[in-house]
Amino acid sequence: MKTILCRFLLFFCSVLWSTSLNAQGPKVLVVTAHPDDETSFSVSLFKITHELKGIVDMAVMTDGGGGFADSQLGAMYYGLNLTDSLTARDHLPLIRKQEILDAAKIMGIRNIHFMEQPDDWYTTDPTPYISGKNWNIPLIESRLDKILQDRSYDFVLTMLPHEGQHGHHKTAVLMALRAVKRMKSPNKPIILAGSPATLGAKPLEFVELKGFPETKIKPNVPYFTLNRAFRFKENDKLSYKIVADWVISAYKSQGAIQENAIHKTDLEVYRYFDINNSDGVNKAEKLFNDLAKSGFAAP
């Protein structure tokens, strides 16, 4: 048994090593609060791994146990009373881990780091979490520091921490920003805030989250945009929104994302945080130009 296990580990390590050697594109870490938050960036992640031959890892803050409000259909699918909070908190952490692993396979994600913090309740206030009252902040800081130190990422992607965001989302962004800021390496990753948008809609106005100056967006840097919605192939039958639908379909327990803005998203819009050096703007611009030209290129 020990010999078989050793052979398996050697094979697994050789696959990872081969994957790293073959990677030609950017290395990206996505930092989110819950399993399914990455659906905001799903097409960018798919294109980075499948078309640019890059590497994407994720760090997910919570266990997802609080995501039961819209689980009516998921309850039938899983045969569990997931709309009951006690049942959900017993079963959802494992269910949502499996869901994000299924979604990650579609997007080509290499690794997911689960921080296992409590997904307690909905609030827009990040204070109970960033203060360390409800989350183990030293543990998250230690793990993020090691991940960033060991992996040499080119980019870190977060959600946009606007005022109406969940407190967990805001805290995940703050943890990512502070981790990048703490890095001693001269080659820090560029950290960007992503948000969904629809064609023709004015992008959400955002300068910084009040009380948290590290969330400031660098002035006079344009948005970087990936268009999910342009049509291609004969009779314009296809778009990259199909990939986004593949990803959200993995989340059977989370009914709302099948219907809400994630499904309707036409554009992934990225903003450049002020903690980045100005000389990284060209690197970010190149990433999104490469994404636009890769695969089925937009006209």
C-alpha atoms as a PDB file:
ATOM      1  CA  MET A   1       0.000   0.000   0.000  1.00  0.00           C
ATOM      2  CA  LYS A   2       2.834   2.375   0.913  1.00  0.00           C
ATOM      3  CA  THR A   3       4.540   1.698  -2.438  1.00  0.00           C
ATOM      4  CA  ILE A   4       1.328   2.420  -4.351  1.00  0.00           C
ATOM      5  CA  LEU A   5       0.826   5.653  -2.393  1.00  0.00           C
ATOM      6  CA  CYS A   6       4.399   6.755  -3.095  1.00  0.00           C
ATOM      7  CA  ARG A   7       3.975   6.064  -6.805  1.00  0.00           C
ATOM      8  CA  PHE A   8       0.742   8.035  -6.851  1.00  0.00           C
ATOM      9  CA  LEU A   9       2.370  11.002  -5.095  1.00  0.00           C
ATOM     10  CA  LEU A  10       5.300  10.930  -7.500  1.00  0.00           C
ATOM     11  CA  PHE A  11       2.918  10.825 -10.450  1.00  0.00           C
ATOM     12  CA  PHE A  12       0.782  13.659  -9.008  1.00  0.00           C
ATOM     13  CA  CYS A  13       3.841  15.832  -8.360  1.00  0.00           C
ATOM     14  CA  SER A  14       5.155  15.155 -11.863  1.00  0.00           C
ATOM     15  CA  VAL A  15       1.818  16.272 -13.332  1.00  0.00           C
ATOM     16  CA  LEU A  16       1.901  19.506 -11.326  1.00  0.00           C
ATOM     17  CA  TRP A  17       5.544  20.067 -12.303  1.00  0.00           C
ATOM     18  CA  SER A  18       4.746  19.433 -15.954  1.00  0.00           C
ATOM     19  CA  THR A  19       1.780  21.820 -15.762  1.00  0.00           C
ATOM     20  CA  SER A  20       3.999  24.534 -14.280  1.00  0.00           C
ATOM     21  CA  LEU A  21       6.660  23.993 -16.951  1.00  0.00           C
ATOM     22  CA  ASN A  22       4.114  24.145 -19.750  1.00  0.00           C
ATOM     23  CA  ALA A  23       2.416  27.272 -18.411  1.00  0.00           C
ATOM     24  CA  GLN A  24       3.231  30.176 -20.705  1.00  0.00           C
ATOM     25  CA  GLY A  25       0.609  32.667 -19.662  1.00  0.00           C
ATOM     26  CA  PRO A  26       0.012  34.727 -16.531  1.00  0.00           C
ATOM     27  CA  LYS A  27      -0.174  33.326 -13.001  1.00  0.00           C
ATOM     28  CA  VAL A  28      -3.253  34.570 -11.168  1.00  0.00           C
ATOM     29  CA  LEU A  29      -4.621  34.276  -7.625  1.00  0.00           C
ATOM     30  CA  VAL A  30      -8.337  34.951  -7.108  1.00  0.00           C
ATOM     31  CA  VAL A  31      -9.321  35.939  -3.547  1.00  0.00           C
ATOM     32  CA  THR A  32     -13.024  35.673  -2.724  1.00  0.00           C
ATOM     33  CA  ALA A  33     -15.299  35.225   0.273  1.00  0.00           C
ATOM     34  CA  HIS A  34     -17.616  32.384  -0.787  1.00  0.00           C
ATOM     35  CA  PRO A  35     -17.708  29.491  -3.212  1.00  0.00           C
ATOM     36  CA  ASP A  36     -19.414  30.980  -6.334  1.00  0.00           C
ATOM     37  CA  ASP A  37     -18.037  34.552  -5.982  1.00  0.00           C
ATOM     38  CA  GLU A  38     -15.572  33.765  -8.756  1.00  0.00           C
ATOM     39  CA  THR A  39     -18.481  33.536 -11.208  1.00  0.00           C
ATOM     40  CA  SER A  40     -18.003  37.289 -11.648  1.00  0.00           C
ATOM     41  CA  PHE A  41     -14.653  36.541 -13.323  1.00  0.00           C
ATOM     42  CA  SER A  42     -15.394  33.108 -14.783  1.00  0.00           C
ATOM     43  CA  VAL A  43     -14.805  33.894 -18.458  1.00  0.00           C
ATOM     44  CA  SER A  44     -11.524  35.709 -17.777  1.00  0.00           C
ATOM     45  CA  LEU A  45     -10.337  32.733 -15.739  1.00  0.00           C
ATOM     46  CA  PHE A  46     -11.398  30.248 -18.430  1.00  0.00           C
ATOM     47  CA  LYS A  47      -9.608  32.234 -21.132  1.00  0.00           C
ATOM     48  CA  ILE A  48      -6.462  32.656 -19.023  1.00  0.00           C
ATOM     49  CA  THR A  49      -6.124  28.915 -18.428  1.00  0.00           C
ATOM     50  CA  HIS A  50      -7.442  27.533 -21.716  1.00  0.00           C
ATOM     51  CA  GLU A  51      -6.329  30.147 -24.236  1.00  0.00           C
ATOM     52  CA  LEU A  52      -3.348  31.957 -22.688  1.00  0.00           C
ATOM     53  CA  LYS A  53      -2.079  28.726 -21.038  1.00  0.00           C
ATOM     54  CA  GLY A  54      -1.772  30.483 -17.703  1.00  0.00           C
ATOM     55  CA  ILE A  55      -2.283  29.287 -14.133  1.00  0.00           C
ATOM     56  CA  VAL A  56      -5.126  30.303 -11.823  1.00  0.00           C
ATOM     57  CA  ASP A  57      -5.437  29.486  -8.121  1.00  0.00           C
ATOM     58  CA  MET A  58      -8.134  30.593  -5.676  1.00  0.00           C
ATOM     59  CA  ALA A  59      -8.264  31.479  -1.980  1.00  0.00           C
ATOM     60  CA  VAL A  60     -11.798  31.261  -0.547  1.00  0.00           C
ATOM     61  CA  MET A  61     -12.433  32.794   2.869  1.00  0.00           C
ATOM     62  CA  THR A  62     -15.622  31.124   4.169  1.00  0.00           C
ATOM     63  CA  ASP A  63     -17.033  27.609   4.427  1.00  0.00           C
ATOM     64  CA  GLY A  64     -20.193  28.695   2.571  1.00  0.00           C
ATOM     65  CA  GLY A  65     -22.475  27.368   5.310  1.00  0.00           C
ATOM     66  CA  GLY A  66     -24.675  30.465   5.346  1.00  0.00           C
ATOM     67  CA  GLY A  67     -25.758  30.330   1.708  1.00  0.00           C
ATOM     68  CA  PHE A  68     -29.191  28.781   2.175  1.00  0.00           C
ATOM     69  CA  ALA A  69     -31.638  31.620   1.439  1.00  0.00           C
ATOM     70  CA  ASP A  70     -32.145  30.637  -2.221  1.00  0.00           C
ATOM     71  CA  SER A  71     -31.662  26.885  -1.920  1.00  0.00           C
ATOM     72  CA  GLN A  72     -35.255  25.767  -2.557  1.00  0.00           C
ATOM     73  CA  LEU A  73     -34.449  23.974  -5.823  1.00  0.00           C
ATOM     74  CA  GLY A  74     -31.086  22.816  -4.516  1.00  0.00           C
ATOM     75  CA  ALA A  75     -32.879  21.226  -1.574  1.00  0.00           C
ATOM     76  CA  MET A  76     -34.831  19.036  -3.980  1.00  0.00           C
ATOM     77  CA  TYR A  77     -31.723  18.265  -6.040  1.00  0.00           C
ATOM     78  CA  TYR A  78     -29.694  17.178  -2.995  1.00  0.00           C
ATOM     79  CA  GLY A  79     -32.612  15.647  -1.079  1.00  0.00           C
ATOM     80  CA  LEU A  80     -31.844  17.780   1.971  1.00  0.00           C
ATOM     81  CA  ASN A  81     -33.828  20.542   3.671  1.00  0.00           C
ATOM     82  CA  LEU A  82     -31.206  23.150   2.818  1.00  0.00           C
ATOM     83  CA  THR A  83     -33.500  26.112   3.502  1.00  0.00           C
ATOM     84  CA  ASP A  84     -33.421  25.141   7.188  1.00  0.00           C
ATOM     85  CA  SER A  85     -30.456  26.950   8.716  1.00  0.00           C
ATOM     86  CA  LEU A  86     -29.377  24.083  10.982  1.00  0.00           C
ATOM     87  CA  THR A  87     -29.524  21.511   8.180  1.00  0.00           C
ATOM     88  CA  ALA A  88     -27.749  23.901   5.819  1.00  0.00           C
ATOM     89  CA  ARG A  89     -24.905  24.653   8.208  1.00  0.00           C
ATOM     90  CA  ASP A  90     -24.363  20.928   8.689  1.00  0.00           C
ATOM     91  CA  HIS A  91     -24.336  20.066   4.985  1.00  0.00           C
ATOM     92  CA  LEU A  92     -23.630  23.163   2.872  1.00  0.00           C
ATOM     93  CA  PRO A  93     -19.884  23.473   3.629  1.00  0.00           C
ATOM     94  CA  LEU A  94     -19.180  20.094   2.039  1.00  0.00           C
ATOM     95  CA  ILE A  95     -21.753  20.583  -0.747  1.00  0.00           C
ATOM     96  CA  ARG A  96     -20.341  23.952  -1.708  1.00  0.00           C
ATOM     97  CA  LYS A  97     -16.770  22.641  -1.676  1.00  0.00           C
ATOM     98  CA  GLN A  98     -17.804  20.024  -4.195  1.00  0.00           C
ATOM     99  CA  GLU A  99     -19.646  22.665  -6.237  1.00  0.00           C
ATOM    100  CA  ILE A 100     -16.634  24.956  -6.419  1.00  0.00           C
ATOM    101  CA  LEU A 101     -14.414  22.008  -7.356  1.00  0.00           C
ATOM    102  CA  ASP A 102     -16.819  21.203 -10.203  1.00  0.00           C
ATOM    103  CA  ALA A 103     -16.802  24.854 -11.293  1.00  0.00           C
ATOM    104  CA  ALA A 104     -13.014  25.008 -10.988  1.00  0.00           C
ATOM    105  CA  LYS A 105     -12.638  22.068 -13.355  1.00  0.00           C
ATOM    106  CA  ILE A 106     -14.569  24.016 -16.008  1.00  0.00           C
ATOM    107  CA  MET A 107     -12.457  27.148 -15.517  1.00  0.00           C
ATOM    108  CA  GLY A 108      -9.185  25.207 -15.396  1.00  0.00           C
ATOM    109  CA  ILE A 109      -8.310  26.234 -11.832  1.00  0.00           C
ATOM    110  CA  ARG A 110      -5.145  24.580 -10.512  1.00  0.00           C
ATOM    111  CA  ASN A 111      -5.655  24.830  -6.751  1.00  0.00           C
ATOM    112  CA  ILE A 112      -8.137  26.148  -4.182  1.00  0.00           C
ATOM    113  CA  HIS A 113      -7.066  27.262  -0.708  1.00  0.00           C
ATOM    114  CA  PHE A 114      -9.995  27.021   1.735  1.00  0.00           C
ATOM    115  CA  MET A 115      -9.659  29.376   4.720  1.00  0.00           C
ATOM    116  CA  GLU A 116     -12.698  27.811   6.472  1.00  0.00           C
ATOM    117  CA  GLN A 117     -13.987  30.972   8.133  1.00  0.00           C
ATOM    118  CA  PRO A 118     -17.630  31.033   9.307  1.00  0.00           C
ATOM    119  CA  ASP A 119     -20.218  32.138   6.764  1.00  0.00           C
ATOM    120  CA  ASP A 120     -22.411  33.484   9.541  1.00  0.00           C
ATOM    121  CA  TRP A 121     -25.024  35.971   8.295  1.00  0.00           C
ATOM    122  CA  TYR A 122     -25.636  38.705   5.766  1.00  0.00           C
ATOM    123  CA  THR A 123     -24.363  42.167   6.617  1.00  0.00           C
ATOM    124  CA  THR A 124     -22.682  44.912   4.626  1.00  0.00           C
ATOM    125  CA  ASP A 125     -20.472  45.792   7.604  1.00  0.00           C
ATOM    126  CA  PRO A 126     -16.956  44.301   7.371  1.00  0.00           C
ATOM    127  CA  THR A 127     -16.032  45.345  10.937  1.00  0.00           C
ATOM    128  CA  PRO A 128     -16.829  42.044  12.738  1.00  0.00           C
ATOM    129  CA  TYR A 129     -14.580  40.186  10.277  1.00  0.00           C
ATOM    130  CA  ILE A 130     -11.665  42.502   9.579  1.00  0.00           C
ATOM    131  CA  SER A 131     -11.409  43.235  13.320  1.00  0.00           C
ATOM    132  CA  GLY A 132     -10.845  39.557  14.051  1.00  0.00           C
ATOM    133  CA  LYS A 133     -14.014  39.188  16.112  1.00  0.00           C
ATOM    134  CA  ASN A 134     -15.739  36.706  13.761  1.00  0.00           C
ATOM    135  CA  TRP A 135     -12.833  35.562  11.574  1.00  0.00           C
ATOM    136  CA  ASN A 136      -9.368  34.304  12.424  1.00  0.00           C
ATOM    137  CA  ILE A 137      -7.498  37.151  10.746  1.00  0.00           C
ATOM    138  CA  PRO A 138      -3.950  36.074  11.814  1.00  0.00           C
ATOM    139  CA  LEU A 139      -4.560  32.645  10.247  1.00  0.00           C
ATOM    140  CA  ILE A 140      -5.771  34.168   6.971  1.00  0.00           C
ATOM    141  CA  GLU A 141      -2.857  36.613   6.905  1.00  0.00           C
ATOM    142  CA  SER A 142      -0.316  33.854   7.527  1.00  0.00           C
ATOM    143  CA  ARG A 143      -1.755  31.600   4.809  1.00  0.00           C
ATOM    144  CA  LEU A 144      -2.093  34.391   2.227  1.00  0.00           C
ATOM    145  CA  ASP A 145       1.459  35.572   2.929  1.00  0.00           C
ATOM    146  CA  LYS A 146       2.815  32.075   2.305  1.00  0.00           C
ATOM    147  CA  ILE A 147       0.713  31.539  -0.818  1.00  0.00           C
ATOM    148  CA  LEU A 148       1.880  34.830  -2.338  1.00  0.00           C
ATOM    149  CA  GLN A 149       5.479  34.229  -1.331  1.00  0.00           C
ATOM    150  CA  ASP A 150       5.619  30.693  -2.732  1.00  0.00           C
ATOM    151  CA  ARG A 151       3.698  31.120  -5.988  1.00  0.00           C
ATOM    152  CA  SER A 152       5.049  34.334  -7.625  1.00  0.00           C
ATOM    153  CA  TYR A 153       1.748  35.493  -9.115  1.00  0.00           C
ATOM    154  CA  ASP A 154       1.500  38.145 -11.794  1.00  0.00           C
ATOM    155  CA  PHE A 155      -2.025  39.216 -10.814  1.00  0.00           C
ATOM    156  CA  VAL A 156      -4.440  39.009  -7.885  1.00  0.00           C
ATOM    157  CA  LEU A 157      -8.151  39.393  -8.638  1.00  0.00           C
ATOM    158  CA  THR A 158     -10.771  40.427  -6.088  1.00  0.00           C
ATOM    159  CA  MET A 159     -14.338  41.659  -6.147  1.00  0.00           C
ATOM    160  CA  LEU A 160     -15.050  45.400  -6.149  1.00  0.00           C
ATOM    161  CA  PRO A 161     -15.621  46.386  -2.480  1.00  0.00           C
ATOM    162  CA  HIS A 162     -18.400  48.921  -3.087  1.00  0.00           C
ATOM    163  CA  GLU A 163     -20.671  50.108  -0.293  1.00  0.00           C
ATOM    164  CA  GLY A 164     -23.492  47.681  -1.063  1.00  0.00           C
ATOM    165  CA  GLN A 165     -21.278  44.589  -1.037  1.00  0.00           C
ATOM    166  CA  HIS A 166     -21.555  41.820   1.556  1.00  0.00           C
ATOM    167  CA  GLY A 167     -19.249  42.395   4.543  1.00  0.00           C
ATOM    168  CA  HIS A 168     -17.560  39.081   3.776  1.00  0.00           C
ATOM    169  CA  HIS A 169     -16.772  40.278   0.237  1.00  0.00           C
ATOM    170  CA  LYS A 170     -15.325  43.550   1.512  1.00  0.00           C
ATOM    171  CA  THR A 171     -13.187  41.718   4.056  1.00  0.00           C
ATOM    172  CA  ALA A 172     -11.854  39.269   1.468  1.00  0.00           C
ATOM    173  CA  VAL A 173     -10.771  42.246  -0.665  1.00  0.00           C
ATOM    174  CA  LEU A 174      -9.103  43.901   2.316  1.00  0.00           C
ATOM    175  CA  MET A 175      -7.236  40.696   3.164  1.00  0.00           C
ATOM    176  CA  ALA A 176      -5.934  40.456  -0.398  1.00  0.00           C
ATOM    177  CA  LEU A 177      -4.909  44.118  -0.551  1.00  0.00           C
ATOM    178  CA  ARG A 178      -3.123  43.993   2.780  1.00  0.00           C
ATOM    179  CA  ALA A 179      -1.350  40.765   1.862  1.00  0.00           C
ATOM    180  CA  VAL A 180      -0.031  42.290  -1.373  1.00  0.00           C
ATOM    181  CA  LYS A 181       0.973  45.424   0.513  1.00  0.00           C
ATOM    182  CA  ARG A 182       2.914  43.364   3.092  1.00  0.00           C
ATOM    183  CA  MET A 183       4.994  41.613   0.430  1.00  0.00           C
ATOM    184  CA  LYS A 184       8.685  42.404   0.538  1.00  0.00           C
ATOM    185  CA  SER A 185       9.368  41.172  -2.986  1.00  0.00           C
ATOM    186  CA  PRO A 186      10.111  43.829  -5.623  1.00  0.00           C
ATOM    187  CA  ASN A 187       7.939  41.801  -8.019  1.00  0.00           C
ATOM    188  CA  LYS A 188       4.574  42.185  -6.350  1.00  0.00           C
ATOM    189  CA  PRO A 189       1.506  41.001  -8.253  1.00  0.00           C
ATOM    190  CA  ILE A 190      -0.836  43.592  -9.722  1.00  0.00           C
ATOM    191  CA  ILE A 191      -4.121  43.538  -7.799  1.00  0.00           C
ATOM    192  CA  LEU A 192      -7.359  44.306  -9.640  1.00  0.00           C
ATOM    193  CA  ALA A 193     -11.012  44.623  -8.611  1.00  0.00           C
ATOM    194  CA  GLY A 194     -13.497  42.899 -10.895  1.00  0.00           C
ATOM    195  CA  SER A 195     -17.221  43.561 -11.234  1.00  0.00           C
ATOM    196  CA  PRO A 196     -19.982  42.544 -13.656  1.00  0.00           C
ATOM    197  CA  ALA A 197     -21.719  44.941 -16.061  1.00  0.00           C
ATOM    198  CA  THR A 198     -24.252  44.838 -18.874  1.00  0.00           C
ATOM    199  CA  LEU A 199     -23.765  46.326 -22.328  1.00  0.00           C
ATOM    200  CA  GLY A 200     -24.873  49.940 -22.466  1.00  0.00           C
ATOM    201  CA  ALA A 201     -24.983  50.356 -18.684  1.00  0.00           C
ATOM    202  CA  LYS A 202     -22.830  52.943 -16.973  1.00  0.00           C
ATOM    203  CA  PRO A 203     -20.138  51.236 -14.845  1.00  0.00           C
ATOM    204  CA  LEU A 204     -20.634  51.506 -11.100  1.00  0.00           C
ATOM    205  CA  GLU A 205     -18.930  54.614  -9.728  1.00  0.00           C
ATOM    206  CA  PHE A 206     -16.319  53.717  -7.126  1.00  0.00           C
ATOM    207  CA  VAL A 207     -13.349  55.620  -5.704  1.00  0.00           C
ATOM    208  CA  GLU A 208     -12.691  53.787  -2.417  1.00  0.00           C
ATOM    209  CA  LEU A 209     -14.544  52.118   0.441  1.00  0.00           C
ATOM    210  CA  LYS A 210     -15.068  54.649   3.210  1.00  0.00           C
ATOM    211  CA  GLY A 211     -12.761  54.019   6.152  1.00  0.00           C
ATOM    212  CA  PHE A 212     -10.418  51.751   4.186  1.00  0.00           C
ATOM    213  CA  PRO A 213      -8.005  53.876   2.117  1.00  0.00           C
ATOM    214  CA  GLU A 214      -6.190  50.817   0.788  1.00  0.00           C
ATOM    215  CA  THR A 215      -9.238  50.172  -1.427  1.00  0.00           C
ATOM    216  CA  LYS A 216      -8.664  53.369  -3.407  1.00  0.00           C
ATOM    217  CA  ILE A 217      -8.676  52.966  -7.180  1.00  0.00           C
ATOM    218  CA  LYS A 218      -5.735  54.641  -8.934  1.00  0.00           C
ATOM    219  CA  PRO A 219      -6.917  57.872 -10.575  1.00  0.00           C
ATOM    220  CA  ASN A 220      -6.694  58.346 -14.341  1.00  0.00           C
ATOM    221  CA  VAL A 221      -6.274  54.638 -15.103  1.00  0.00           C
ATOM    222  CA  PRO A 222      -8.957  53.360 -17.493  1.00  0.00           C
ATOM    223  CA  TYR A 223     -11.097  50.325 -16.785  1.00  0.00           C
ATOM    224  CA  PHE A 224      -9.980  47.027 -18.286  1.00  0.00           C
ATOM    225  CA  THR A 225     -12.863  45.128 -19.850  1.00  0.00           C
ATOM    226  CA  LEU A 226     -13.538  41.634 -21.109  1.00  0.00           C
ATOM    227  CA  ASN A 227     -16.594  41.230 -23.337  1.00  0.00           C
ATOM    228  CA  ARG A 228     -18.417  37.943 -22.665  1.00  0.00           C
ATOM    229  CA  ALA A 229     -21.330  38.747 -24.934  1.00  0.00           C
ATOM    230  CA  PHE A 230     -19.929  39.193 -28.465  1.00  0.00           C
ATOM    231  CA  ARG A 231     -21.190  36.585 -30.925  1.00  0.00           C
ATOM    232  CA  PHE A 232     -19.087  34.299 -33.097  1.00  0.00           C
ATOM    233  CA  LYS A 233     -19.188  31.296 -35.443  1.00  0.00           C
ATOM    234  CA  GLU A 234     -21.821  30.762 -38.131  1.00  0.00           C
ATOM    235  CA  ASN A 235     -24.952  32.883 -37.693  1.00  0.00           C
ATOM    236  CA  ASP A 236     -23.499  34.295 -34.473  1.00  0.00           C
ATOM    237  CA  LYS A 237     -24.847  31.379 -32.449  1.00  0.00           C
ATOM    238  CA  LEU A 238     -22.197  31.341 -29.721  1.00  0.00           C
ATOM    239  CA  SER A 239     -20.768  33.649 -27.069  1.00  0.00           C
ATOM    240  CA  TYR A 240     -18.513  33.225 -24.055  1.00  0.00           C
ATOM    241  CA  LYS A 241     -21.587  33.639 -21.857  1.00  0.00           C
ATOM    242  CA  ILE A 242     -22.006  29.910 -22.483  1.00  0.00           C
ATOM    243  CA  VAL A 243     -18.867  29.330 -20.384  1.00  0.00           C
ATOM    244  CA  ALA A 244     -20.303  31.494 -17.595  1.00  0.00           C
ATOM    245  CA  ASP A 245     -23.482  29.403 -17.662  1.00  0.00           C
ATOM    246  CA  TRP A 246     -21.439  26.197 -17.448  1.00  0.00           C
ATOM    247  CA  VAL A 247     -19.783  27.579 -14.322  1.00  0.00           C
ATOM    248  CA  ILE A 248     -22.899  28.817 -12.543  1.00  0.00           C
ATOM    249  CA  SER A 249     -24.663  25.536 -13.324  1.00  0.00           C
ATOM    250  CA  ALA A 250     -22.198  23.817 -10.964  1.00  0.00           C
ATOM    251  CA  TYR A 251     -23.788  25.673  -8.041  1.00  0.00           C
ATOM    252  CA  LYS A 252     -27.017  23.727  -7.607  1.00  0.00           C
ATOM    253  CA  SER A 253     -27.392  24.927  -4.005  1.00  0.00           C
ATOM    254  CA  GLN A 254     -27.246  28.613  -4.992  1.00  0.00           C
ATOM    255  CA  GLY A 255     -30.394  29.247  -7.001  1.00  0.00           C
ATOM    256  CA  ALA A 256     -30.208  33.027  -7.205  1.00  0.00           C
ATOM    257  CA  ILE A 257     -27.034  33.180  -9.283  1.00  0.00           C
ATOM    258  CA  GLN A 258     -28.789  31.286 -12.070  1.00  0.00           C
ATOM    259  CA  GLU A 259     -31.238  34.184 -12.483  1.00  0.00           C
ATOM    260  CA  ASN A 260     -29.503  37.334 -11.279  1.00  0.00           C
ATOM    261  CA  ALA A 261     -26.840  39.636 -12.737  1.00  0.00           C
ATOM    262  CA  ILE A 262     -24.189  36.930 -13.005  1.00  0.00           C
ATOM    263  CA  HIS A 263     -26.201  35.187 -15.720  1.00  0.00           C
ATOM    264  CA  LYS A 264     -27.006  38.523 -17.382  1.00  0.00           C
ATOM    265  CA  THR A 265     -23.425  39.807 -17.254  1.00  0.00           C
ATOM    266  CA  ASP A 266     -22.100  40.989 -20.626  1.00  0.00           C
ATOM    267  CA  LEU A 267     -18.842  42.547 -19.451  1.00  0.00           C
ATOM    268  CA  GLU A 268     -16.259  41.791 -16.801  1.00  0.00           C
ATOM    269  CA  VAL A 269     -14.895  45.179 -15.715  1.00  0.00           C
ATOM    270  CA  TYR A 270     -11.602  45.451 -13.823  1.00  0.00           C
ATOM    271  CA  ARG A 271     -10.218  48.416 -11.887  1.00  0.00           C
ATOM    272  CA  TYR A 272      -6.610  49.112 -10.930  1.00  0.00           C
ATOM    273  CA  PHE A 273      -6.024  49.596  -7.190  1.00  0.00           C
ATOM    274  CA  ASP A 274      -3.934  52.564  -6.109  1.00  0.00           C
ATOM    275  CA  ILE A 275      -1.517  50.389  -4.103  1.00  0.00           C
ATOM    276  CA  ASN A 276      -0.167  49.114  -7.445  1.00  0.00           C
ATOM    277  CA  ASN A 277       2.801  50.880  -8.997  1.00  0.00           C
ATOM    278  CA  SER A 278       1.959  52.967 -12.043  1.00  0.00           C
ATOM    279  CA  ASP A 279       4.375  50.952 -14.184  1.00  0.00           C
ATOM    280  CA  GLY A 280       2.078  47.935 -13.870  1.00  0.00           C
ATOM    281  CA  VAL A 281      -0.676  49.559 -15.919  1.00  0.00           C
ATOM    282  CA  ASN A 282       0.917  48.454 -19.197  1.00  0.00           C
ATOM    283  CA  LYS A 283       1.140  44.888 -17.914  1.00  0.00           C
ATOM    284  CA  ALA A 284      -2.563  44.879 -16.999  1.00  0.00           C
ATOM    285  CA  GLU A 285      -3.443  46.428 -20.347  1.00  0.00           C
ATOM    286  CA  LYS A 286      -1.468  43.711 -22.136  1.00  0.00           C
ATOM    287  CA  LEU A 287      -3.334  40.983 -20.233  1.00  0.00           C
ATOM    288  CA  PHE A 288      -6.713  42.241 -21.382  1.00  0.00           C
ATOM    289  CA  ASN A 289      -5.514  42.872 -24.925  1.00  0.00           C
ATOM    290  CA  ASP A 290      -4.247  39.286 -25.010  1.00  0.00           C
ATOM    291  CA  LEU A 291      -7.577  38.027 -23.664  1.00  0.00           C
ATOM    292  CA  ALA A 292      -9.474  39.998 -26.284  1.00  0.00           C
ATOM    293  CA  LYS A 293      -7.359  38.544 -29.080  1.00  0.00           C
ATOM    294  CA  SER A 294      -7.246  34.952 -27.824  1.00  0.00           C
ATOM    295  CA  GLY A 295      -9.618  32.135 -28.691  1.00  0.00           C
ATOM    296  CA  PHE A 296     -12.554  33.535 -30.629  1.00  0.00           C
ATOM    297  CA  ALA A 297     -11.527  37.169 -30.887  1.00  0.00           C
ATOM    298  CA  ALA A 298     -14.055  39.961 -30.737  1.00  0.00           C
ATOM    299  CA  PRO A 299     -14.514  41.926 -33.984  1.00  0.00           C
END
